[in-house]
Amino acid sequence: MNKQPLWDAPSAGSGPDYGAGPQRLAVAEAARRVVRAVRVTAVGDDELADATALLDQAAALIESKQVGNAHTQGVMGNQEPDFESRDPMAFFPYSPIIGRLNPASPPVEFWADQDQVRGRMNLSPVYAGPPGMIHGGVIAEVFDELLGVVNVVNGTGGYTGTLKVVYRRPTPLLQEISLRAWPAGAKGRKQYVAGEMVCDGKVTATAEGTFVRAELRA
């Protein structure tokens, strides 16, 4: 896996803008930049007032035309999902966890490795819980997506039934965290998946999930 800084380049299996156009990708990254900056800014009230006016103007411009169809973490409009590539970043471009086109998503990246899914993240203070640590709820939502994507890349996608997270030691902010998840068995419509987070060679959290495959009806 090419160790470029997160978000500098898309995963190899998909186009650079996920079919949505380069400007949509650019505006999502600009919004993430604003969120990161607002979280730790120390500018004064005058600068904040100027920034608020500019952000209000930008919001009004973007709000002038909105998508009205069903909202999902997959593609929008006439785009086609890129499932053949086995690239999770192409499956879910609007995911709140790995979606590069979703300004709410943190800098998290997943990629398929045979039947497993690996990933990495390096989170800013936007995602802080205790001092210097990633919030436990953020860790849980990353695991939910990571374990669920294992099923998707193996053609057994389903809904989360249960998710058990064990917090073994603090998972730090502003450091690269390695992610890995793998299939752990199946029974009927239930798929079992396990995963871990590792920082500096030490496991910081583990997860076990049960996912239920959707039942197709005639």
N, C-alpha and C. Protein backbone atom coordinates (compact mmCIF):
# COMPACT_ATOMS: atom_id res chain seq x y z
N MET A 1 0.85 -1.21 0.00
CA MET A 1 0.00 0.00 0.00
C MET A 1 0.88 1.25 0.00
N ASN A 2 0.60 2.16 -0.90
CA ASN A 2 1.37 3.39 -0.99
C ASN A 2 1.08 4.28 0.22
N LYS A 3 2.10 4.63 0.98
CA LYS A 3 1.91 5.39 2.20
C LYS A 3 1.92 6.89 1.95
N GLN A 4 1.06 7.35 1.05
CA GLN A 4 0.89 8.79 0.86
C GLN A 4 0.09 9.35 2.03
N PRO A 5 0.23 10.64 2.32
CA PRO A 5 -0.61 11.24 3.37
C PRO A 5 -2.09 11.02 3.08
N LEU A 6 -2.87 10.78 4.12
CA LEU A 6 -4.29 10.53 3.92
C LEU A 6 -4.94 11.65 3.13
N TRP A 7 -5.81 11.25 2.23
CA TRP A 7 -6.62 12.13 1.39
C TRP A 7 -5.84 12.74 0.22
N ASP A 8 -4.53 12.53 0.12
CA ASP A 8 -3.81 13.11 -0.99
C ASP A 8 -4.15 12.44 -2.31
N ALA A 9 -4.48 11.16 -2.27
CA ALA A 9 -4.82 10.45 -3.50
C ALA A 9 -5.85 9.39 -3.19
N PRO A 10 -6.74 9.10 -4.14
CA PRO A 10 -7.75 8.07 -3.90
C PRO A 10 -7.15 6.68 -3.99
N SER A 11 -7.88 5.68 -3.55
CA SER A 11 -7.44 4.31 -3.67
C SER A 11 -7.30 3.96 -5.16
N ALA A 12 -6.48 2.96 -5.44
CA ALA A 12 -6.10 2.69 -6.83
C ALA A 12 -7.26 2.21 -7.69
N GLY A 13 -8.28 1.64 -7.07
CA GLY A 13 -9.33 1.02 -7.86
C GLY A 13 -10.38 1.95 -8.40
N SER A 14 -10.31 3.23 -8.17
CA SER A 14 -11.38 4.12 -8.59
C SER A 14 -10.81 5.41 -9.14
N GLY A 15 -11.68 6.16 -9.83
CA GLY A 15 -11.25 7.43 -10.38
C GLY A 15 -11.02 8.45 -9.30
N PRO A 16 -10.32 9.54 -9.64
CA PRO A 16 -9.95 10.52 -8.62
C PRO A 16 -11.11 11.27 -8.01
N ASP A 17 -12.26 11.30 -8.69
CA ASP A 17 -13.39 12.04 -8.14
C ASP A 17 -14.63 11.16 -7.92
N TYR A 18 -14.46 9.84 -8.03
CA TYR A 18 -15.56 8.89 -7.79
C TYR A 18 -16.78 9.19 -8.64
N GLY A 19 -16.55 9.72 -9.85
CA GLY A 19 -17.63 9.96 -10.77
C GLY A 19 -18.47 11.18 -10.48
N ALA A 20 -18.15 11.91 -9.43
CA ALA A 20 -18.97 13.05 -9.02
C ALA A 20 -18.43 14.38 -9.53
N GLY A 21 -17.23 14.38 -10.07
CA GLY A 21 -16.63 15.62 -10.54
C GLY A 21 -15.61 16.17 -9.57
N PRO A 22 -14.53 16.75 -10.07
CA PRO A 22 -13.46 17.22 -9.19
C PRO A 22 -13.88 18.34 -8.25
N GLN A 23 -14.85 19.15 -8.63
CA GLN A 23 -15.24 20.25 -7.75
C GLN A 23 -15.99 19.76 -6.52
N ARG A 24 -16.75 18.68 -6.66
CA ARG A 24 -17.45 18.13 -5.49
C ARG A 24 -16.43 17.56 -4.50
N LEU A 25 -15.40 16.90 -5.03
CA LEU A 25 -14.33 16.40 -4.17
C LEU A 25 -13.62 17.56 -3.48
N ALA A 26 -13.36 18.63 -4.23
CA ALA A 26 -12.64 19.79 -3.68
C ALA A 26 -13.44 20.50 -2.60
N VAL A 27 -14.75 20.65 -2.81
CA VAL A 27 -15.55 21.37 -1.82
C VAL A 27 -15.67 20.55 -0.53
N ALA A 28 -15.73 19.23 -0.64
CA ALA A 28 -15.78 18.39 0.56
C ALA A 28 -14.50 18.54 1.37
N GLU A 29 -13.35 18.56 0.70
CA GLU A 29 -12.09 18.72 1.41
C GLU A 29 -11.98 20.11 2.02
N ALA A 30 -12.45 21.13 1.31
CA ALA A 30 -12.43 22.49 1.87
C ALA A 30 -13.27 22.56 3.14
N ALA A 31 -14.42 21.90 3.14
CA ALA A 31 -15.29 21.90 4.32
C ALA A 31 -14.60 21.18 5.49
N ARG A 32 -13.91 20.06 5.20
CA ARG A 32 -13.18 19.37 6.27
C ARG A 32 -12.08 20.27 6.84
N ARG A 33 -11.44 21.03 5.95
CA ARG A 33 -10.38 21.93 6.42
C ARG A 33 -10.95 22.99 7.36
N VAL A 34 -12.13 23.52 7.04
CA VAL A 34 -12.76 24.51 7.91
C VAL A 34 -13.07 23.90 9.27
N VAL A 35 -13.62 22.69 9.28
CA VAL A 35 -13.96 22.04 10.55
C VAL A 35 -12.71 21.85 11.41
N ARG A 36 -11.63 21.38 10.80
CA ARG A 36 -10.39 21.19 11.56
C ARG A 36 -9.90 22.52 12.14
N ALA A 37 -9.96 23.57 11.31
CA ALA A 37 -9.45 24.87 11.75
C ALA A 37 -10.31 25.47 12.86
N VAL A 38 -11.64 25.37 12.72
CA VAL A 38 -12.54 25.93 13.73
C VAL A 38 -12.33 25.25 15.08
N ARG A 39 -12.05 23.95 15.05
CA ARG A 39 -11.91 23.19 16.30
C ARG A 39 -10.77 23.73 17.18
N VAL A 40 -9.70 24.25 16.58
CA VAL A 40 -8.54 24.64 17.37
C VAL A 40 -8.13 26.10 17.16
N THR A 41 -8.99 26.89 16.52
CA THR A 41 -8.60 28.26 16.22
C THR A 41 -8.42 29.10 17.48
N ALA A 42 -7.48 30.05 17.39
CA ALA A 42 -7.26 31.00 18.48
C ALA A 42 -7.37 32.43 17.98
N VAL A 43 -8.00 32.63 16.82
CA VAL A 43 -8.15 34.00 16.30
C VAL A 43 -9.16 34.77 17.13
N GLY A 44 -9.14 36.08 16.99
CA GLY A 44 -10.02 36.93 17.79
C GLY A 44 -11.41 37.07 17.22
N ASP A 45 -12.24 37.83 17.93
CA ASP A 45 -13.65 37.97 17.56
C ASP A 45 -13.82 38.62 16.19
N ASP A 46 -12.99 39.58 15.84
CA ASP A 46 -13.13 40.22 14.54
C ASP A 46 -12.90 39.21 13.42
N GLU A 47 -11.86 38.39 13.54
CA GLU A 47 -11.60 37.37 12.52
C GLU A 47 -12.72 36.35 12.47
N LEU A 48 -13.24 35.98 13.66
CA LEU A 48 -14.34 35.02 13.69
C LEU A 48 -15.59 35.59 13.03
N ALA A 49 -15.85 36.88 13.23
CA ALA A 49 -17.01 37.51 12.60
C ALA A 49 -16.86 37.51 11.08
N ASP A 50 -15.66 37.82 10.60
CA ASP A 50 -15.42 37.80 9.15
C ASP A 50 -15.60 36.39 8.59
N ALA A 51 -15.05 35.41 9.31
CA ALA A 51 -15.16 34.02 8.86
C ALA A 51 -16.62 33.56 8.85
N THR A 52 -17.39 33.96 9.87
CA THR A 52 -18.80 33.59 9.92
C THR A 52 -19.56 34.13 8.72
N ALA A 53 -19.28 35.37 8.36
CA ALA A 53 -19.95 35.97 7.21
C ALA A 53 -19.61 35.22 5.92
N LEU A 54 -18.35 34.85 5.76
CA LEU A 54 -17.94 34.11 4.57
C LEU A 54 -18.57 32.72 4.53
N LEU A 55 -18.61 32.06 5.68
CA LEU A 55 -19.21 30.73 5.74
C LEU A 55 -20.71 30.78 5.48
N ASP A 56 -21.37 31.80 6.01
CA ASP A 56 -22.81 31.95 5.74
C ASP A 56 -23.05 32.14 4.24
N GLN A 57 -22.18 32.91 3.60
CA GLN A 57 -22.31 33.14 2.16
C GLN A 57 -22.10 31.83 1.38
N ALA A 58 -21.09 31.08 1.79
CA ALA A 58 -20.82 29.80 1.12
C ALA A 58 -21.98 28.82 1.32
N ALA A 59 -22.52 28.78 2.55
CA ALA A 59 -23.63 27.87 2.83
C ALA A 59 -24.85 28.22 1.98
N ALA A 60 -25.15 29.50 1.87
CA ALA A 60 -26.30 29.92 1.07
C ALA A 60 -26.13 29.51 -0.39
N LEU A 61 -24.91 29.63 -0.91
CA LEU A 61 -24.63 29.26 -2.30
C LEU A 61 -24.84 27.76 -2.50
N ILE A 62 -24.31 26.96 -1.59
CA ILE A 62 -24.40 25.51 -1.74
C ILE A 62 -25.81 25.01 -1.48
N GLU A 63 -26.54 25.68 -0.59
CA GLU A 63 -27.91 25.26 -0.27
C GLU A 63 -28.91 25.60 -1.37
N SER A 64 -28.50 26.35 -2.38
CA SER A 64 -29.44 26.82 -3.40
C SER A 64 -30.04 25.69 -4.24
N LYS A 65 -29.36 24.52 -4.26
CA LYS A 65 -29.90 23.37 -4.99
C LYS A 65 -29.47 22.12 -4.26
N GLN A 66 -30.45 21.33 -3.82
CA GLN A 66 -30.17 20.16 -3.00
C GLN A 66 -30.71 18.89 -3.65
N VAL A 67 -30.07 17.77 -3.38
CA VAL A 67 -30.53 16.47 -3.86
C VAL A 67 -31.72 16.04 -3.02
N GLY A 68 -32.77 15.60 -3.67
CA GLY A 68 -33.99 15.25 -2.93
C GLY A 68 -34.28 13.77 -2.87
N ASN A 69 -33.44 12.92 -3.49
CA ASN A 69 -33.74 11.48 -3.49
C ASN A 69 -33.26 10.84 -2.20
N ALA A 70 -33.40 9.51 -2.13
CA ALA A 70 -33.00 8.79 -0.92
C ALA A 70 -31.51 8.99 -0.65
N HIS A 71 -31.18 9.24 0.60
CA HIS A 71 -29.79 9.50 0.95
C HIS A 71 -29.14 8.22 1.45
N THR A 72 -28.00 7.87 0.88
CA THR A 72 -27.24 6.70 1.28
C THR A 72 -25.76 7.07 1.32
N GLN A 73 -24.94 6.13 1.83
CA GLN A 73 -23.50 6.38 1.80
C GLN A 73 -22.89 5.94 0.47
N GLY A 74 -23.72 5.35 -0.40
CA GLY A 74 -23.26 4.97 -1.73
C GLY A 74 -23.33 6.14 -2.69
N VAL A 75 -23.45 5.83 -3.96
CA VAL A 75 -23.42 6.86 -5.00
C VAL A 75 -24.75 7.60 -5.06
N MET A 76 -24.73 8.77 -5.71
CA MET A 76 -25.95 9.56 -5.89
C MET A 76 -26.25 9.69 -7.37
N GLY A 77 -27.50 10.05 -7.67
CA GLY A 77 -27.90 10.33 -9.05
C GLY A 77 -27.75 9.13 -9.95
N ASN A 78 -27.14 9.36 -11.13
CA ASN A 78 -27.01 8.31 -12.14
C ASN A 78 -25.67 7.56 -12.06
N GLN A 79 -24.90 7.80 -11.01
CA GLN A 79 -23.64 7.10 -10.88
C GLN A 79 -23.88 5.62 -10.60
N GLU A 80 -22.90 4.82 -10.97
CA GLU A 80 -22.98 3.38 -10.73
C GLU A 80 -21.98 2.97 -9.65
N PRO A 81 -22.39 2.14 -8.70
CA PRO A 81 -21.43 1.70 -7.66
C PRO A 81 -20.33 0.86 -8.27
N ASP A 82 -19.10 1.07 -7.79
CA ASP A 82 -17.92 0.40 -8.32
C ASP A 82 -17.58 -0.81 -7.46
N PHE A 83 -18.47 -1.83 -7.47
CA PHE A 83 -18.25 -2.99 -6.63
C PHE A 83 -17.19 -3.93 -7.21
N GLU A 84 -17.04 -3.92 -8.55
CA GLU A 84 -16.09 -4.84 -9.17
C GLU A 84 -14.66 -4.57 -8.74
N SER A 85 -14.34 -3.34 -8.40
CA SER A 85 -12.96 -3.00 -8.04
C SER A 85 -12.57 -3.54 -6.66
N ARG A 86 -13.54 -3.92 -5.84
CA ARG A 86 -13.31 -4.32 -4.44
C ARG A 86 -12.64 -3.19 -3.66
N ASP A 87 -12.89 -1.96 -4.06
CA ASP A 87 -12.32 -0.79 -3.39
C ASP A 87 -13.39 -0.18 -2.49
N PRO A 88 -13.26 -0.32 -1.15
CA PRO A 88 -14.29 0.23 -0.25
C PRO A 88 -14.52 1.72 -0.43
N MET A 89 -13.48 2.46 -0.80
CA MET A 89 -13.62 3.89 -0.98
C MET A 89 -14.53 4.22 -2.16
N ALA A 90 -14.58 3.30 -3.14
CA ALA A 90 -15.47 3.48 -4.28
C ALA A 90 -16.88 2.99 -3.99
N PHE A 91 -17.02 2.00 -3.09
CA PHE A 91 -18.35 1.53 -2.72
C PHE A 91 -19.16 2.64 -2.07
N PHE A 92 -18.51 3.36 -1.14
CA PHE A 92 -19.21 4.27 -0.25
C PHE A 92 -18.60 5.68 -0.27
N PRO A 93 -18.69 6.39 -1.39
CA PRO A 93 -18.05 7.72 -1.48
C PRO A 93 -18.68 8.77 -0.57
N TYR A 94 -19.92 8.50 -0.07
CA TYR A 94 -20.58 9.45 0.83
C TYR A 94 -20.67 8.91 2.26
N SER A 95 -19.89 7.88 2.55
CA SER A 95 -19.87 7.32 3.91
C SER A 95 -19.45 8.38 4.92
N PRO A 96 -20.08 8.40 6.11
CA PRO A 96 -19.63 9.33 7.16
C PRO A 96 -18.31 8.91 7.79
N ILE A 97 -17.77 7.76 7.37
CA ILE A 97 -16.51 7.28 7.92
C ILE A 97 -15.39 7.35 6.88
N ILE A 98 -15.62 6.83 5.67
CA ILE A 98 -14.56 6.77 4.66
C ILE A 98 -14.90 7.54 3.39
N GLY A 99 -16.00 8.27 3.38
CA GLY A 99 -16.46 8.92 2.15
C GLY A 99 -15.71 10.21 1.84
N ARG A 100 -14.91 10.20 0.80
CA ARG A 100 -14.17 11.42 0.45
C ARG A 100 -15.09 12.53 -0.03
N LEU A 101 -16.30 12.18 -0.49
CA LEU A 101 -17.24 13.20 -0.94
C LEU A 101 -18.16 13.68 0.18
N ASN A 102 -17.97 13.15 1.38
CA ASN A 102 -18.76 13.56 2.54
C ASN A 102 -17.89 14.42 3.45
N PRO A 103 -18.20 15.70 3.59
CA PRO A 103 -17.36 16.58 4.41
C PRO A 103 -17.35 16.22 5.88
N ALA A 104 -18.28 15.37 6.33
CA ALA A 104 -18.31 14.97 7.74
C ALA A 104 -17.36 13.81 8.03
N SER A 105 -16.81 13.19 6.99
CA SER A 105 -15.98 12.00 7.22
C SER A 105 -14.59 12.38 7.71
N PRO A 106 -14.05 11.60 8.65
CA PRO A 106 -12.68 11.83 9.11
C PRO A 106 -11.69 11.28 8.10
N PRO A 107 -10.40 11.57 8.27
CA PRO A 107 -9.40 11.01 7.36
C PRO A 107 -9.11 9.55 7.68
N VAL A 108 -9.99 8.69 7.17
CA VAL A 108 -9.86 7.25 7.36
C VAL A 108 -9.85 6.61 5.97
N GLU A 109 -8.98 5.64 5.76
CA GLU A 109 -8.89 4.97 4.47
C GLU A 109 -8.91 3.47 4.67
N PHE A 110 -9.70 2.75 3.84
CA PHE A 110 -9.76 1.30 3.86
C PHE A 110 -9.32 0.77 2.50
N TRP A 111 -8.77 -0.45 2.48
CA TRP A 111 -8.52 -1.15 1.22
C TRP A 111 -8.62 -2.65 1.46
N ALA A 112 -9.02 -3.38 0.41
CA ALA A 112 -9.18 -4.83 0.50
C ALA A 112 -7.82 -5.51 0.40
N ASP A 113 -7.64 -6.57 1.21
CA ASP A 113 -6.44 -7.39 1.18
C ASP A 113 -6.91 -8.84 1.23
N GLN A 114 -7.13 -9.42 0.04
CA GLN A 114 -7.75 -10.73 -0.09
C GLN A 114 -9.11 -10.70 0.59
N ASP A 115 -9.35 -11.57 1.60
CA ASP A 115 -10.67 -11.55 2.23
C ASP A 115 -10.73 -10.61 3.43
N GLN A 116 -9.61 -9.97 3.75
CA GLN A 116 -9.58 -9.02 4.85
C GLN A 116 -9.72 -7.58 4.33
N VAL A 117 -9.93 -6.67 5.27
CA VAL A 117 -9.89 -5.24 4.97
C VAL A 117 -8.90 -4.59 5.91
N ARG A 118 -8.00 -3.82 5.35
CA ARG A 118 -7.03 -3.07 6.14
C ARG A 118 -7.30 -1.58 5.98
N GLY A 119 -6.71 -0.80 6.87
CA GLY A 119 -6.94 0.64 6.79
C GLY A 119 -5.96 1.40 7.65
N ARG A 120 -6.12 2.71 7.63
CA ARG A 120 -5.29 3.59 8.45
C ARG A 120 -6.06 4.87 8.71
N MET A 121 -5.70 5.55 9.78
CA MET A 121 -6.30 6.83 10.09
C MET A 121 -5.33 7.62 10.95
N ASN A 122 -5.50 8.93 10.91
CA ASN A 122 -4.70 9.84 11.73
C ASN A 122 -5.62 11.01 12.05
N LEU A 123 -6.21 11.00 13.24
CA LEU A 123 -7.32 11.88 13.55
C LEU A 123 -6.87 13.13 14.32
N SER A 124 -7.47 14.24 13.94
CA SER A 124 -7.19 15.54 14.55
C SER A 124 -8.00 15.72 15.83
N PRO A 125 -7.80 16.83 16.55
CA PRO A 125 -8.58 17.09 17.77
C PRO A 125 -10.09 17.22 17.54
N VAL A 126 -10.53 17.31 16.30
CA VAL A 126 -11.97 17.27 16.02
C VAL A 126 -12.60 16.03 16.66
N TYR A 127 -11.84 14.96 16.76
CA TYR A 127 -12.36 13.67 17.21
C TYR A 127 -11.88 13.31 18.62
N ALA A 128 -11.51 14.31 19.40
CA ALA A 128 -10.96 14.09 20.74
C ALA A 128 -12.04 13.67 21.73
N GLY A 129 -11.64 12.79 22.65
CA GLY A 129 -12.42 12.46 23.83
C GLY A 129 -11.61 12.90 25.03
N PRO A 130 -11.06 11.96 25.79
CA PRO A 130 -10.13 12.33 26.87
C PRO A 130 -8.90 13.04 26.29
N PRO A 131 -8.15 13.74 27.11
CA PRO A 131 -7.00 14.50 26.60
C PRO A 131 -6.05 13.65 25.75
N GLY A 132 -5.82 14.09 24.52
CA GLY A 132 -4.89 13.41 23.64
C GLY A 132 -5.39 12.11 23.04
N MET A 133 -6.65 11.76 23.28
CA MET A 133 -7.16 10.46 22.85
C MET A 133 -8.37 10.61 21.94
N ILE A 134 -8.55 9.63 21.05
CA ILE A 134 -9.73 9.58 20.20
C ILE A 134 -10.95 9.20 21.04
N HIS A 135 -12.06 9.86 20.81
CA HIS A 135 -13.31 9.57 21.52
C HIS A 135 -13.72 8.12 21.28
N GLY A 136 -14.18 7.45 22.33
CA GLY A 136 -14.58 6.05 22.22
C GLY A 136 -15.70 5.82 21.22
N GLY A 137 -16.61 6.78 21.11
CA GLY A 137 -17.69 6.63 20.14
C GLY A 137 -17.19 6.68 18.71
N VAL A 138 -16.16 7.47 18.47
CA VAL A 138 -15.56 7.53 17.13
C VAL A 138 -14.90 6.20 16.80
N ILE A 139 -14.20 5.63 17.78
CA ILE A 139 -13.58 4.32 17.58
C ILE A 139 -14.65 3.29 17.22
N ALA A 140 -15.77 3.31 17.90
CA ALA A 140 -16.84 2.35 17.64
C ALA A 140 -17.40 2.52 16.23
N GLU A 141 -17.61 3.76 15.78
CA GLU A 141 -18.18 3.95 14.45
C GLU A 141 -17.20 3.54 13.36
N VAL A 142 -15.90 3.75 13.59
CA VAL A 142 -14.91 3.28 12.62
C VAL A 142 -14.94 1.76 12.54
N PHE A 143 -15.03 1.10 13.68
CA PHE A 143 -15.12 -0.36 13.68
C PHE A 143 -16.39 -0.84 12.97
N ASP A 144 -17.51 -0.18 13.20
CA ASP A 144 -18.76 -0.58 12.55
C ASP A 144 -18.60 -0.58 11.04
N GLU A 145 -17.97 0.47 10.51
CA GLU A 145 -17.76 0.55 9.06
C GLU A 145 -16.72 -0.48 8.61
N LEU A 146 -15.62 -0.58 9.34
CA LEU A 146 -14.54 -1.50 8.96
C LEU A 146 -15.03 -2.93 8.89
N LEU A 147 -15.72 -3.39 9.93
CA LEU A 147 -16.20 -4.76 9.95
C LEU A 147 -17.27 -4.99 8.89
N GLY A 148 -18.15 -4.00 8.71
CA GLY A 148 -19.18 -4.14 7.70
C GLY A 148 -18.62 -4.24 6.29
N VAL A 149 -17.55 -3.51 6.03
CA VAL A 149 -16.94 -3.52 4.70
C VAL A 149 -16.31 -4.88 4.40
N VAL A 150 -15.84 -5.60 5.42
CA VAL A 150 -15.33 -6.96 5.19
C VAL A 150 -16.39 -7.79 4.48
N ASN A 151 -17.63 -7.69 4.93
CA ASN A 151 -18.70 -8.45 4.29
C ASN A 151 -18.95 -7.98 2.87
N VAL A 152 -18.90 -6.68 2.65
CA VAL A 152 -19.18 -6.14 1.32
C VAL A 152 -18.14 -6.62 0.32
N VAL A 153 -16.85 -6.55 0.67
CA VAL A 153 -15.81 -6.96 -0.29
C VAL A 153 -15.85 -8.46 -0.56
N ASN A 154 -16.49 -9.23 0.34
CA ASN A 154 -16.62 -10.67 0.14
C ASN A 154 -17.99 -11.07 -0.38
N GLY A 155 -18.80 -10.08 -0.77
CA GLY A 155 -20.09 -10.37 -1.37
C GLY A 155 -21.14 -10.86 -0.40
N THR A 156 -21.00 -10.54 0.89
CA THR A 156 -21.95 -10.99 1.91
C THR A 156 -22.44 -9.82 2.75
N GLY A 157 -22.63 -8.68 2.14
CA GLY A 157 -23.02 -7.48 2.87
C GLY A 157 -24.32 -7.64 3.63
N GLY A 158 -24.40 -6.99 4.78
CA GLY A 158 -25.61 -7.05 5.59
C GLY A 158 -25.65 -5.92 6.59
N TYR A 159 -26.65 -5.95 7.46
CA TYR A 159 -26.85 -4.91 8.45
C TYR A 159 -26.18 -5.29 9.78
N THR A 160 -25.71 -4.30 10.50
CA THR A 160 -25.11 -4.56 11.81
C THR A 160 -26.17 -5.08 12.77
N GLY A 161 -25.88 -6.24 13.38
CA GLY A 161 -26.75 -6.79 14.41
C GLY A 161 -26.24 -6.43 15.79
N THR A 162 -24.99 -6.80 16.05
CA THR A 162 -24.34 -6.44 17.31
C THR A 162 -22.90 -6.01 17.02
N LEU A 163 -22.39 -5.15 17.89
CA LEU A 163 -21.00 -4.71 17.78
C LEU A 163 -20.44 -4.61 19.19
N LYS A 164 -19.40 -5.38 19.46
CA LYS A 164 -18.73 -5.35 20.76
C LYS A 164 -17.34 -4.77 20.59
N VAL A 165 -17.05 -3.68 21.30
CA VAL A 165 -15.74 -3.04 21.23
C VAL A 165 -15.07 -3.14 22.59
N VAL A 166 -13.81 -3.56 22.59
CA VAL A 166 -13.01 -3.61 23.81
C VAL A 166 -11.90 -2.58 23.68
N TYR A 167 -11.88 -1.61 24.61
CA TYR A 167 -10.88 -0.55 24.60
C TYR A 167 -9.72 -0.99 25.48
N ARG A 168 -8.63 -1.43 24.85
CA ARG A 168 -7.53 -2.06 25.57
C ARG A 168 -6.53 -1.05 26.13
N ARG A 169 -6.35 0.06 25.43
CA ARG A 169 -5.47 1.14 25.89
C ARG A 169 -5.85 2.38 25.10
N PRO A 170 -5.41 3.56 25.50
CA PRO A 170 -5.78 4.78 24.77
C PRO A 170 -5.37 4.72 23.29
N THR A 171 -6.25 5.17 22.43
CA THR A 171 -5.94 5.31 21.00
C THR A 171 -5.68 6.79 20.75
N PRO A 172 -4.44 7.15 20.43
CA PRO A 172 -4.06 8.57 20.43
C PRO A 172 -4.51 9.34 19.19
N LEU A 173 -4.71 10.62 19.39
CA LEU A 173 -4.88 11.56 18.29
C LEU A 173 -3.53 11.81 17.62
N LEU A 174 -3.60 12.32 16.38
CA LEU A 174 -2.42 12.85 15.68
C LEU A 174 -1.30 11.82 15.54
N GLN A 175 -1.67 10.54 15.50
CA GLN A 175 -0.72 9.47 15.19
C GLN A 175 -1.40 8.50 14.24
N GLU A 176 -0.62 7.87 13.37
CA GLU A 176 -1.22 6.93 12.44
C GLU A 176 -1.64 5.66 13.18
N ILE A 177 -2.88 5.27 12.93
CA ILE A 177 -3.47 4.07 13.52
C ILE A 177 -3.71 3.08 12.39
N SER A 178 -3.22 1.85 12.56
CA SER A 178 -3.46 0.80 11.57
C SER A 178 -4.75 0.05 11.92
N LEU A 179 -5.50 -0.32 10.90
CA LEU A 179 -6.78 -0.99 11.06
C LEU A 179 -6.75 -2.31 10.30
N ARG A 180 -7.40 -3.32 10.87
CA ARG A 180 -7.52 -4.60 10.17
C ARG A 180 -8.77 -5.31 10.65
N ALA A 181 -9.48 -5.97 9.71
CA ALA A 181 -10.66 -6.76 10.07
C ALA A 181 -10.73 -7.96 9.14
N TRP A 182 -11.34 -9.04 9.64
CA TRP A 182 -11.34 -10.29 8.90
C TRP A 182 -12.61 -11.09 9.19
N PRO A 183 -13.02 -11.98 8.27
CA PRO A 183 -14.19 -12.83 8.51
C PRO A 183 -13.91 -13.78 9.67
N ALA A 184 -14.94 -14.02 10.48
CA ALA A 184 -14.78 -14.89 11.65
C ALA A 184 -15.88 -15.95 11.71
N GLY A 185 -16.43 -16.31 10.54
CA GLY A 185 -17.43 -17.37 10.50
C GLY A 185 -18.79 -16.89 10.04
N ALA A 186 -19.68 -17.84 9.83
CA ALA A 186 -21.04 -17.53 9.39
C ALA A 186 -21.98 -18.62 9.86
N LYS A 187 -23.24 -18.24 10.07
CA LYS A 187 -24.28 -19.20 10.43
C LYS A 187 -25.59 -18.69 9.88
N GLY A 188 -26.12 -19.39 8.89
CA GLY A 188 -27.35 -18.93 8.25
C GLY A 188 -27.13 -17.56 7.63
N ARG A 189 -27.99 -16.61 7.99
CA ARG A 189 -27.87 -15.24 7.47
C ARG A 189 -26.89 -14.39 8.27
N LYS A 190 -26.34 -14.94 9.35
CA LYS A 190 -25.44 -14.17 10.20
C LYS A 190 -23.99 -14.31 9.75
N GLN A 191 -23.31 -13.18 9.65
CA GLN A 191 -21.89 -13.14 9.32
C GLN A 191 -21.14 -12.58 10.53
N TYR A 192 -20.05 -13.24 10.92
CA TYR A 192 -19.27 -12.81 12.08
C TYR A 192 -17.93 -12.24 11.59
N VAL A 193 -17.56 -11.09 12.14
CA VAL A 193 -16.35 -10.39 11.72
C VAL A 193 -15.62 -9.89 12.96
N ALA A 194 -14.30 -9.87 12.91
CA ALA A 194 -13.48 -9.35 14.02
C ALA A 194 -12.49 -8.34 13.47
N GLY A 195 -12.01 -7.45 14.34
CA GLY A 195 -11.07 -6.45 13.89
C GLY A 195 -10.24 -5.87 15.02
N GLU A 196 -9.22 -5.09 14.66
CA GLU A 196 -8.35 -4.47 15.66
C GLU A 196 -7.81 -3.14 15.16
N MET A 197 -7.44 -2.30 16.12
CA MET A 197 -6.70 -1.05 15.87
C MET A 197 -5.34 -1.19 16.52
N VAL A 198 -4.30 -0.73 15.82
CA VAL A 198 -2.94 -0.85 16.32
C VAL A 198 -2.23 0.48 16.16
N CYS A 199 -1.53 0.91 17.21
CA CYS A 199 -0.70 2.11 17.16
C CYS A 199 0.67 1.78 17.70
N ASP A 200 1.69 2.05 16.91
CA ASP A 200 3.07 1.82 17.34
C ASP A 200 3.27 0.38 17.80
N GLY A 201 2.67 -0.54 17.06
CA GLY A 201 2.84 -1.96 17.35
C GLY A 201 2.00 -2.52 18.46
N LYS A 202 1.16 -1.70 19.10
CA LYS A 202 0.34 -2.16 20.22
C LYS A 202 -1.15 -2.06 19.86
N VAL A 203 -1.88 -3.12 20.19
CA VAL A 203 -3.33 -3.13 19.95
C VAL A 203 -3.99 -2.19 20.95
N THR A 204 -4.73 -1.21 20.43
CA THR A 204 -5.41 -0.27 21.31
C THR A 204 -6.89 -0.60 21.51
N ALA A 205 -7.48 -1.28 20.53
CA ALA A 205 -8.90 -1.65 20.64
C ALA A 205 -9.18 -2.82 19.72
N THR A 206 -10.14 -3.65 20.11
CA THR A 206 -10.58 -4.76 19.28
C THR A 206 -12.10 -4.72 19.18
N ALA A 207 -12.63 -5.42 18.17
CA ALA A 207 -14.08 -5.44 17.97
C ALA A 207 -14.52 -6.78 17.42
N GLU A 208 -15.73 -7.17 17.78
CA GLU A 208 -16.40 -8.34 17.21
C GLU A 208 -17.80 -7.90 16.78
N GLY A 209 -18.20 -8.29 15.59
CA GLY A 209 -19.51 -7.87 15.09
C GLY A 209 -20.29 -9.02 14.50
N THR A 210 -21.59 -8.94 14.63
CA THR A 210 -22.51 -9.86 13.96
C THR A 210 -23.32 -9.05 12.96
N PHE A 211 -23.34 -9.50 11.72
CA PHE A 211 -24.05 -8.79 10.66
C PHE A 211 -25.07 -9.74 10.04
N VAL A 212 -26.23 -9.21 9.72
CA VAL A 212 -27.32 -10.03 9.20
C VAL A 212 -27.56 -9.67 7.76
N ARG A 213 -27.44 -10.67 6.89
CA ARG A 213 -27.64 -10.43 5.46
C ARG A 213 -29.12 -10.10 5.19
N ALA A 214 -29.33 -9.16 4.28
CA ALA A 214 -30.70 -8.79 3.92
C ALA A 214 -31.39 -9.96 3.25
N GLU A 215 -32.64 -10.14 3.60
CA GLU A 215 -33.43 -11.24 3.02
C GLU A 215 -34.17 -10.73 1.81
N LEU A 216 -33.88 -11.31 0.64
CA LEU A 216 -34.51 -10.89 -0.60
C LEU A 216 -35.92 -11.44 -0.67
N ARG A 217 -36.85 -10.58 -1.04
CA ARG A 217 -38.25 -11.00 -1.15
C ARG A 217 -38.72 -10.82 -2.59
N ALA A 218 -39.53 -11.73 -3.04
CA ALA A 218 -40.04 -11.68 -4.41
C ALA A 218 -41.04 -10.54 -4.55
